[in-house]
C-alpha atoms as a PDB file:
ATOM      1  CA  LEU A   1     -23.405  24.608 -22.123  1.00  0.00           C
ATOM      2  CA  VAL A   2     -21.660  21.245 -21.800  1.00  0.00           C
ATOM      3  CA  ASN A   3     -23.757  18.211 -20.965  1.00  0.00           C
ATOM      4  CA  ILE A   4     -21.788  15.775 -18.795  1.00  0.00           C
ATOM      5  CA  ALA A   5     -23.411  12.369 -18.344  1.00  0.00           C
ATOM      6  CA  GLY A   6     -20.999  11.307 -15.603  1.00  0.00           C
ATOM      7  CA  ILE A   7     -17.401  11.328 -14.396  1.00  0.00           C
ATOM      8  CA  LEU A   8     -15.141   8.327 -13.884  1.00  0.00           C
ATOM      9  CA  CYS A   9     -12.568   9.141 -11.196  1.00  0.00           C
ATOM     10  CA  MET A  10      -9.614   6.753 -11.208  1.00  0.00           C
ATOM     11  CA  GLU A  11      -7.361   6.728  -8.141  1.00  0.00           C
ATOM     12  CA  MET A  12      -8.216  10.267  -7.140  1.00  0.00           C
ATOM     13  CA  PHE A  13      -7.082  10.606  -3.525  1.00  0.00           C
ATOM     14  CA  SER A  14      -7.531  14.281  -2.677  1.00  0.00           C
ATOM     15  CA  GLU A  15     -10.329  14.289  -0.108  1.00  0.00           C
ATOM     16  CA  ARG A  16     -11.143  17.920  -0.818  1.00  0.00           C
ATOM     17  CA  TYR A  17     -11.359  17.468  -4.559  1.00  0.00           C
ATOM     18  CA  CYS A  18     -13.427  14.285  -4.280  1.00  0.00           C
ATOM     19  CA  GLU A  19     -15.881  16.035  -1.962  1.00  0.00           C
ATOM     20  CA  PHE A  20     -16.018  18.997  -4.384  1.00  0.00           C
ATOM     21  CA  LEU A  21     -16.910  16.661  -7.257  1.00  0.00           C
ATOM     22  CA  CYS A  22     -19.678  15.091  -5.175  1.00  0.00           C
ATOM     23  CA  GLU A  23     -21.225  18.532  -4.690  1.00  0.00           C
ATOM     24  CA  THR A  24     -21.646  18.962  -8.478  1.00  0.00           C
ATOM     25  CA  ASN A  25     -24.559  16.492  -8.592  1.00  0.00           C
ATOM     26  CA  ILE A  26     -22.985  14.874 -11.651  1.00  0.00           C
ATOM     27  CA  PRO A  27     -23.090  11.055 -11.493  1.00  0.00           C
ATOM     28  CA  LEU A  28     -19.685   9.819 -10.299  1.00  0.00           C
ATOM     29  CA  LEU A  29     -17.895   6.504 -10.181  1.00  0.00           C
ATOM     30  CA  PHE A  30     -14.721   6.424  -8.095  1.00  0.00           C
ATOM     31  CA  VAL A  31     -12.258   3.608  -8.725  1.00  0.00           C
ATOM     32  CA  ASP A  32     -10.533   3.541  -5.324  1.00  0.00           C
ATOM     33  CA  THR A  33     -10.935   6.506  -2.994  1.00  0.00           C
ATOM     34  CA  PRO A  34      -9.304   8.384  -0.176  1.00  0.00           C
ATOM     35  CA  LEU A  35      -9.534   6.467   3.091  1.00  0.00           C
ATOM     36  CA  SER A  36     -13.261   5.919   3.620  1.00  0.00           C
ATOM     37  CA  GLN A  37     -13.018   6.523   7.387  1.00  0.00           C
ATOM     38  CA  ARG A  38     -11.867  10.078   6.657  1.00  0.00           C
ATOM     39  CA  CYS A  39     -14.019  10.956   3.680  1.00  0.00           C
ATOM     40  CA  THR A  40     -17.699  10.290   3.020  1.00  0.00           C
ATOM     41  CA  LEU A  41     -18.465  10.418  -0.682  1.00  0.00           C
ATOM     42  CA  SER A  42     -21.983  10.515  -2.081  1.00  0.00           C
ATOM     43  CA  ALA A  43     -21.067   8.580  -5.201  1.00  0.00           C
ATOM     44  CA  ASP A  44     -20.641   5.066  -6.480  1.00  0.00           C
ATOM     45  CA  VAL A  45     -17.305   3.421  -5.727  1.00  0.00           C
ATOM     46  CA  LEU A  46     -15.455   0.442  -7.132  1.00  0.00           C
ATOM     47  CA  TYR A  47     -12.676  -1.217  -5.150  1.00  0.00           C
ATOM     48  CA  MET A  48     -10.199  -3.931  -6.012  1.00  0.00           C
ATOM     49  CA  GLU A  49     -10.496  -6.970  -3.787  1.00  0.00           C
ATOM     50  CA  ASN A  50      -7.632  -6.470  -1.342  1.00  0.00           C
ATOM     51  CA  LEU A  51      -8.319  -8.232   1.936  1.00  0.00           C
ATOM     52  CA  SER A  52      -8.522 -11.907   1.059  1.00  0.00           C
ATOM     53  CA  SER A  53      -6.013 -11.653  -1.812  1.00  0.00           C
ATOM     54  CA  VAL A  54      -3.318 -10.041   0.331  1.00  0.00           C
ATOM     55  CA  TYR A  55      -4.124 -12.314   3.259  1.00  0.00           C
ATOM     56  CA  HIS A  56      -3.768 -15.443   1.129  1.00  0.00           C
ATOM     57  CA  MET A  57      -0.568 -14.216  -0.526  1.00  0.00           C
ATOM     58  CA  LEU A  58       1.109 -13.338   2.777  1.00  0.00           C
ATOM     59  CA  ASP A  59      -0.119 -16.514   4.436  1.00  0.00           C
ATOM     60  CA  THR A  60       1.515 -18.527   1.650  1.00  0.00           C
ATOM     61  CA  LEU A  61       4.773 -16.598   2.055  1.00  0.00           C
ATOM     62  CA  ILE A  62       4.704 -17.182   5.822  1.00  0.00           C
ATOM     63  CA  GLU A  63       4.141 -20.888   5.159  1.00  0.00           C
ATOM     64  CA  GLN A  64       7.325 -20.771   3.058  1.00  0.00           C
ATOM     65  CA  GLY A  65       9.301 -19.554   6.084  1.00  0.00           C
ATOM     66  CA  ASN A  66       9.062 -15.758   5.911  1.00  0.00           C
ATOM     67  CA  LYS A  67       8.293 -14.782   9.510  1.00  0.00           C
ATOM     68  CA  ARG A  68       9.726 -11.252   9.711  1.00  0.00           C
ATOM     69  CA  ILE A  69       7.583  -9.266   7.305  1.00  0.00           C
ATOM     70  CA  SER A  70       7.761  -5.507   6.889  1.00  0.00           C
ATOM     71  CA  PHE A  71       4.962  -3.380   5.428  1.00  0.00           C
ATOM     72  CA  VAL A  72       6.093  -0.602   3.091  1.00  0.00           C
ATOM     73  CA  GLY A  73       3.813   2.315   2.231  1.00  0.00           C
ATOM     74  CA  ASP A  74       1.534   4.939   3.683  1.00  0.00           C
ATOM     75  CA  ARG A  75      -1.330   2.798   4.935  1.00  0.00           C
ATOM     76  CA  TYR A  76      -3.570   5.894   4.991  1.00  0.00           C
ATOM     77  CA  HIS A  77      -2.803   6.919   1.387  1.00  0.00           C
ATOM     78  CA  CYS A  78      -6.042   5.442   0.031  1.00  0.00           C
ATOM     79  CA  GLN A  79      -8.687   2.835   0.785  1.00  0.00           C
ATOM     80  CA  SER A  80      -6.810   0.084  -1.076  1.00  0.00           C
ATOM     81  CA  PHE A  81      -3.560   0.641   0.847  1.00  0.00           C
ATOM     82  CA  TYR A  82      -5.491   0.606   4.110  1.00  0.00           C
ATOM     83  CA  GLU A  83      -7.201  -2.681   3.241  1.00  0.00           C
ATOM     84  CA  ARG A  84      -3.812  -4.189   2.343  1.00  0.00           C
ATOM     85  CA  TRP A  85      -2.516  -3.029   5.727  1.00  0.00           C
ATOM     86  CA  GLN A  86      -5.541  -4.618   7.427  1.00  0.00           C
ATOM     87  CA  ALA A  87      -4.844  -7.944   5.698  1.00  0.00           C
ATOM     88  CA  TYR A  88      -1.176  -7.734   6.713  1.00  0.00           C
ATOM     89  CA  VAL A  89      -2.101  -7.141  10.360  1.00  0.00           C
ATOM     90  CA  SER A  90      -4.719  -9.926  10.272  1.00  0.00           C
ATOM     91  CA  VAL A  91      -2.456 -12.603   8.830  1.00  0.00           C
ATOM     92  CA  LEU A  92       0.281 -11.786  11.359  1.00  0.00           C
ATOM     93  CA  ALA A  93      -2.227 -12.035  14.212  1.00  0.00           C
ATOM     94  CA  ASP A  94      -3.676 -15.309  12.913  1.00  0.00           C
ATOM     95  CA  ARG A  95      -0.161 -16.774  12.583  1.00  0.00           C
ATOM     96  CA  ASN A  96       0.840 -15.527  16.077  1.00  0.00           C
ATOM     97  CA  ILE A  97       3.552 -13.304  14.627  1.00  0.00           C
ATOM     98  CA  PRO A  98       3.946 -10.081  16.620  1.00  0.00           C
ATOM     99  CA  LEU A  99       3.275  -6.871  14.720  1.00  0.00           C
ATOM    100  CA  ASP A 100       6.513  -4.856  14.789  1.00  0.00           C
ATOM    101  CA  VAL A 101       5.859  -1.475  13.211  1.00  0.00           C
ATOM    102  CA  SER A 102       9.443  -0.410  13.979  1.00  0.00           C
ATOM    103  CA  CYS A 103      10.513  -2.675  11.137  1.00  0.00           C
ATOM    104  CA  SER A 104       8.028  -1.246   8.655  1.00  0.00           C
ATOM    105  CA  ILE A 105       8.317   1.849   6.494  1.00  0.00           C
ATOM    106  CA  LEU A 106       5.039   3.662   7.096  1.00  0.00           C
ATOM    107  CA  ALA A 107       5.915   7.291   6.358  1.00  0.00           C
ATOM    108  CA  ASP A 108       3.117   9.354   4.878  1.00  0.00           C
ATOM    109  CA  ASP A 109       3.013   9.696   1.119  1.00  0.00           C
ATOM    110  CA  SER A 110       4.479  13.208   1.198  1.00  0.00           C
ATOM    111  CA  ASN A 111       7.821  11.436   1.710  1.00  0.00           C
ATOM    112  CA  PRO A 112       9.789  10.550  -1.412  1.00  0.00           C
ATOM    113  CA  TYR A 113       9.249   6.795  -1.655  1.00  0.00           C
ATOM    114  CA  GLY A 114      10.576   6.955  -5.226  1.00  0.00           C
ATOM    115  CA  ASP A 115      13.865   8.511  -4.058  1.00  0.00           C
ATOM    116  CA  THR A 116      16.344   5.645  -3.835  1.00  0.00           C
ATOM    117  CA  THR A 117      18.582   7.502  -1.379  1.00  0.00           C
ATOM    118  CA  TRP A 118      15.726   8.337   1.000  1.00  0.00           C
ATOM    119  CA  LEU A 119      14.319   4.824   0.814  1.00  0.00           C
ATOM    120  CA  SER A 120      17.707   3.155   1.350  1.00  0.00           C
ATOM    121  CA  GLN A 121      18.185   5.355   4.448  1.00  0.00           C
ATOM    122  CA  GLN A 122      14.804   4.177   5.750  1.00  0.00           C
ATOM    123  CA  ILE A 123      15.828   0.551   5.235  1.00  0.00           C
ATOM    124  CA  ALA A 124      19.240   1.091   6.854  1.00  0.00           C
ATOM    125  CA  GLY A 125      17.484   2.595   9.885  1.00  0.00           C
ATOM    126  CA  LEU A 126      15.362  -0.494  10.535  1.00  0.00           C
ATOM    127  CA  PRO A 127      16.276  -2.454  13.684  1.00  0.00           C
ATOM    128  CA  TYR A 128      16.754  -5.639  11.615  1.00  0.00           C
ATOM    129  CA  MET A 129      16.456  -6.796   8.029  1.00  0.00           C
ATOM    130  CA  PRO A 130      13.107  -8.488   7.407  1.00  0.00           C
ATOM    131  CA  ASP A 131      12.752 -11.751   5.511  1.00  0.00           C
ATOM    132  CA  LEU A 132      10.188 -10.064   3.288  1.00  0.00           C
ATOM    133  CA  PHE A 133       9.125  -6.523   2.434  1.00  0.00           C
ATOM    134  CA  PHE A 134       5.428  -6.425   1.558  1.00  0.00           C
ATOM    135  CA  CYS A 135       4.879  -3.242  -0.448  1.00  0.00           C
ATOM    136  CA  ALA A 136       1.455  -1.627  -0.722  1.00  0.00           C
ATOM    137  CA  ASN A 137       1.796  -1.601  -4.517  1.00  0.00           C
ATOM    138  CA  ASP A 138       4.174  -2.662  -7.263  1.00  0.00           C
ATOM    139  CA  TYR A 139       5.695   0.804  -7.719  1.00  0.00           C
ATOM    140  CA  LEU A 140       6.847   0.708  -4.110  1.00  0.00           C
ATOM    141  CA  ALA A 141       8.199  -2.804  -4.665  1.00  0.00           C
ATOM    142  CA  MET A 142      10.257  -1.625  -7.649  1.00  0.00           C
ATOM    143  CA  ALA A 143      11.601   1.286  -5.596  1.00  0.00           C
ATOM    144  CA  MET A 144      12.529  -1.143  -2.807  1.00  0.00           C
ATOM    145  CA  VAL A 145      14.543  -3.326  -5.204  1.00  0.00           C
ATOM    146  CA  LYS A 146      16.584  -0.269  -6.228  1.00  0.00           C
ATOM    147  CA  ALA A 147      17.053   0.920  -2.634  1.00  0.00           C
ATOM    148  CA  LEU A 148      18.154  -2.533  -1.478  1.00  0.00           C
ATOM    149  CA  ARG A 149      20.721  -2.664  -4.289  1.00  0.00           C
ATOM    150  CA  VAL A 150      22.223   0.566  -2.950  1.00  0.00           C
ATOM    151  CA  LEU A 151      22.652  -1.251   0.369  1.00  0.00           C
ATOM    152  CA  GLY A 152      24.274  -4.244  -1.331  1.00  0.00           C
ATOM    153  CA  LYS A 153      21.269  -6.513  -0.762  1.00  0.00           C
ATOM    154  CA  ARG A 154      20.125  -8.922  -3.439  1.00  0.00           C
ATOM    155  CA  THR A 155      16.560  -9.970  -4.057  1.00  0.00           C
ATOM    156  CA  PRO A 156      15.415 -12.638  -3.546  1.00  0.00           C
ATOM    157  CA  LYS A 157      18.677 -14.136  -2.237  1.00  0.00           C
ATOM    158  CA  ASP A 158      19.156 -11.776   0.743  1.00  0.00           C
ATOM    159  CA  VAL A 159      15.606 -10.503   1.159  1.00  0.00           C
ATOM    160  CA  ARG A 160      12.305 -10.992  -0.624  1.00  0.00           C
ATOM    161  CA  ILE A 161      10.021  -8.285  -1.930  1.00  0.00           C
ATOM    162  CA  CYS A 162       6.354  -8.588  -2.710  1.00  0.00           C
ATOM    163  CA  GLY A 163       4.188  -5.940  -4.325  1.00  0.00           C
ATOM    164  CA  PHE A 164       0.505  -5.924  -5.080  1.00  0.00           C
ATOM    165  CA  ASP A 165      -1.769  -4.762  -7.906  1.00  0.00           C
ATOM    166  CA  ASP A 166      -0.051  -6.234 -10.970  1.00  0.00           C
ATOM    167  CA  ASP A 167       1.512  -3.026 -12.261  1.00  0.00           C
END
């Protein structure tokens, strides 16, 4: 018989599996979770501070003249992505910048965000080129740099990219 004192779950986003773990009655600590509105976990959770950090960062970039800002990522992928989306929406509203989801890349995470061809097609299909792509994390930001290169766009000269989470 194995004695487990507790489980640390880092960025585990399968709702079903997280709920299964909660049923084991083993003490759990989740670092980030599936979207909390969709999944109630009877466990301790630890979240990165997203709202005010993203808000402040985007507000500073707007102050620098970036008015057309696109969000990149599945905002429902996890709690952190959703909070980053909320901050994005809030700063646009507070700055009286209309939210234009047609210029964002919001496909669910079953889409191949890491596929440069797919991502460059998503960018090419936007109604206009934003001043800034705000990516839900740094991996998405790195993928955007590659996809923009395929389209002949240079960063930051032609368009800016901002990621989040210091990866």
